[in-house]
Amino acid sequence: MVVDVNLRSGIADPEGATIERALPALGFVGVTNVRAGKSFYLDVEAPNEMAAVDKAQALAERLLSNPVIEDARVRVVTGAS
């Protein structure tokens, strides 16, 4: 299971802006709207997939993200670990 955490739309992303400004010097032109984020890879024990997703979502909202400024999205990925 993967939890992706990104800043909410409208929240300044200085890390993404710094990366975006560096891209032309590295030969990457035409790349815009760079947003930085983080991903967490988890093995979650639960009776079924829906319960595992619910557990990961609760974990993401309580520990892995700041829900005031970040969105967390849970994805089920087989063989992620």
C-alpha atoms as a PDB file:
ATOM      1  CA  MET A   1       0.000   0.000   0.000  1.00  0.00           C
ATOM      2  CA  VAL A   2       1.266   3.500  -0.782  1.00  0.00           C
ATOM      3  CA  VAL A   3       0.268   6.784   0.849  1.00  0.00           C
ATOM      4  CA  ASP A   4       1.065   9.839  -1.287  1.00  0.00           C
ATOM      5  CA  VAL A   5       1.150  13.164   0.561  1.00  0.00           C
ATOM      6  CA  ASN A   6       1.108  16.450  -1.346  1.00  0.00           C
ATOM      7  CA  LEU A   7       0.474  20.069  -0.480  1.00  0.00           C
ATOM      8  CA  ARG A   8      -3.093  21.161  -1.136  1.00  0.00           C
ATOM      9  CA  SER A   9      -3.829  23.258  -4.182  1.00  0.00           C
ATOM     10  CA  GLY A  10      -3.166  26.920  -3.445  1.00  0.00           C
ATOM     11  CA  ILE A  11      -0.505  26.218  -0.803  1.00  0.00           C
ATOM     12  CA  ALA A  12       2.922  27.572  -1.774  1.00  0.00           C
ATOM     13  CA  ASP A  13       5.395  24.827  -2.652  1.00  0.00           C
ATOM     14  CA  PRO A  14       8.916  26.284  -2.352  1.00  0.00           C
ATOM     15  CA  GLU A  15      10.573  22.907  -2.970  1.00  0.00           C
ATOM     16  CA  GLY A  16       8.631  22.397  -6.198  1.00  0.00           C
ATOM     17  CA  ALA A  17       9.393  25.983  -7.281  1.00  0.00           C
ATOM     18  CA  THR A  18      13.129  25.481  -6.687  1.00  0.00           C
ATOM     19  CA  ILE A  19      13.112  22.287  -8.735  1.00  0.00           C
ATOM     20  CA  GLU A  20      11.163  23.995 -11.518  1.00  0.00           C
ATOM     21  CA  ARG A  21      13.651  26.887 -11.678  1.00  0.00           C
ATOM     22  CA  ALA A  22      16.581  24.437 -11.940  1.00  0.00           C
ATOM     23  CA  LEU A  23      15.155  22.363 -14.783  1.00  0.00           C
ATOM     24  CA  PRO A  24      16.134  24.607 -17.758  1.00  0.00           C
ATOM     25  CA  ALA A  25      19.785  24.630 -16.630  1.00  0.00           C
ATOM     26  CA  LEU A  26      19.668  20.837 -16.756  1.00  0.00           C
ATOM     27  CA  GLY A  27      18.210  20.804 -20.255  1.00  0.00           C
ATOM     28  CA  PHE A  28      14.583  20.148 -19.297  1.00  0.00           C
ATOM     29  CA  VAL A  29      12.453  22.782 -21.014  1.00  0.00           C
ATOM     30  CA  GLY A  30       8.677  22.942 -21.118  1.00  0.00           C
ATOM     31  CA  VAL A  31       8.189  21.471 -17.647  1.00  0.00           C
ATOM     32  CA  THR A  32       5.927  23.578 -15.443  1.00  0.00           C
ATOM     33  CA  ASN A  33       3.774  23.365 -12.322  1.00  0.00           C
ATOM     34  CA  VAL A  34       6.247  21.180 -10.434  1.00  0.00           C
ATOM     35  CA  ARG A  35       4.887  20.083  -7.054  1.00  0.00           C
ATOM     36  CA  ALA A  36       6.936  18.167  -4.510  1.00  0.00           C
ATOM     37  CA  GLY A  37       5.492  15.499  -2.269  1.00  0.00           C
ATOM     38  CA  LYS A  38       6.336  12.359  -0.382  1.00  0.00           C
ATOM     39  CA  SER A  39       5.303   8.730  -0.526  1.00  0.00           C
ATOM     40  CA  PHE A  40       5.114   6.143   2.244  1.00  0.00           C
ATOM     41  CA  TYR A  41       5.115   2.415   1.490  1.00  0.00           C
ATOM     42  CA  LEU A  42       3.231   0.266   4.002  1.00  0.00           C
ATOM     43  CA  ASP A  43       2.285  -3.341   4.610  1.00  0.00           C
ATOM     44  CA  VAL A  44      -1.080  -3.259   6.382  1.00  0.00           C
ATOM     45  CA  GLU A  45      -2.636  -6.269   8.054  1.00  0.00           C
ATOM     46  CA  ALA A  46      -6.424  -6.251   7.866  1.00  0.00           C
ATOM     47  CA  PRO A  47      -9.271  -8.696   7.221  1.00  0.00           C
ATOM     48  CA  ASN A  48      -9.817  -7.327   3.689  1.00  0.00           C
ATOM     49  CA  GLU A  49      -8.571  -4.695   1.247  1.00  0.00           C
ATOM     50  CA  MET A  50     -11.204  -2.094   2.194  1.00  0.00           C
ATOM     51  CA  ALA A  51     -10.292  -2.370   5.883  1.00  0.00           C
ATOM     52  CA  ALA A  52      -6.606  -2.014   4.989  1.00  0.00           C
ATOM     53  CA  VAL A  53      -7.326   1.117   2.941  1.00  0.00           C
ATOM     54  CA  ASP A  54      -9.382   2.584   5.780  1.00  0.00           C
ATOM     55  CA  LYS A  55      -6.579   1.876   8.269  1.00  0.00           C
ATOM     56  CA  ALA A  56      -3.959   3.432   5.976  1.00  0.00           C
ATOM     57  CA  GLN A  57      -6.158   6.490   5.372  1.00  0.00           C
ATOM     58  CA  ALA A  58      -6.620   7.014   9.116  1.00  0.00           C
ATOM     59  CA  LEU A  59      -2.871   6.646   9.628  1.00  0.00           C
ATOM     60  CA  ALA A  60      -2.209   9.145   6.847  1.00  0.00           C
ATOM     61  CA  GLU A  61      -4.582  11.716   8.312  1.00  0.00           C
ATOM     62  CA  ARG A  62      -3.347  11.346  11.917  1.00  0.00           C
ATOM     63  CA  LEU A  63       0.412  10.905  11.452  1.00  0.00           C
ATOM     64  CA  LEU A  64       1.775  11.055   7.913  1.00  0.00           C
ATOM     65  CA  SER A  65       0.251  14.353   6.798  1.00  0.00           C
ATOM     66  CA  ASN A  66      -0.838  17.719   8.082  1.00  0.00           C
ATOM     67  CA  PRO A  67      -4.505  17.767   6.994  1.00  0.00           C
ATOM     68  CA  VAL A  68      -4.621  21.572   7.224  1.00  0.00           C
ATOM     69  CA  ILE A  69      -2.200  22.003   4.308  1.00  0.00           C
ATOM     70  CA  GLU A  70      -1.716  18.526   2.795  1.00  0.00           C
ATOM     71  CA  ASP A  71      -3.817  15.922   1.029  1.00  0.00           C
ATOM     72  CA  ALA A  72      -3.113  12.222   1.507  1.00  0.00           C
ATOM     73  CA  ARG A  73      -4.113   9.597  -1.029  1.00  0.00           C
ATOM     74  CA  VAL A  74      -3.949   5.852  -0.416  1.00  0.00           C
ATOM     75  CA  ARG A  75      -3.156   3.499  -3.292  1.00  0.00           C
ATOM     76  CA  VAL A  76      -3.184  -0.274  -3.211  1.00  0.00           C
ATOM     77  CA  VAL A  77      -0.058  -1.619  -4.880  1.00  0.00           C
ATOM     78  CA  THR A  78       0.792  -5.271  -5.017  1.00  0.00           C
ATOM     79  CA  GLY A  79       4.407  -6.124  -4.312  1.00  0.00           C
ATOM     80  CA  ALA A  80       5.282  -2.609  -3.090  1.00  0.00           C
ATOM     81  CA  SER A  81       7.557  -3.733  -0.270  1.00  0.00           C
END
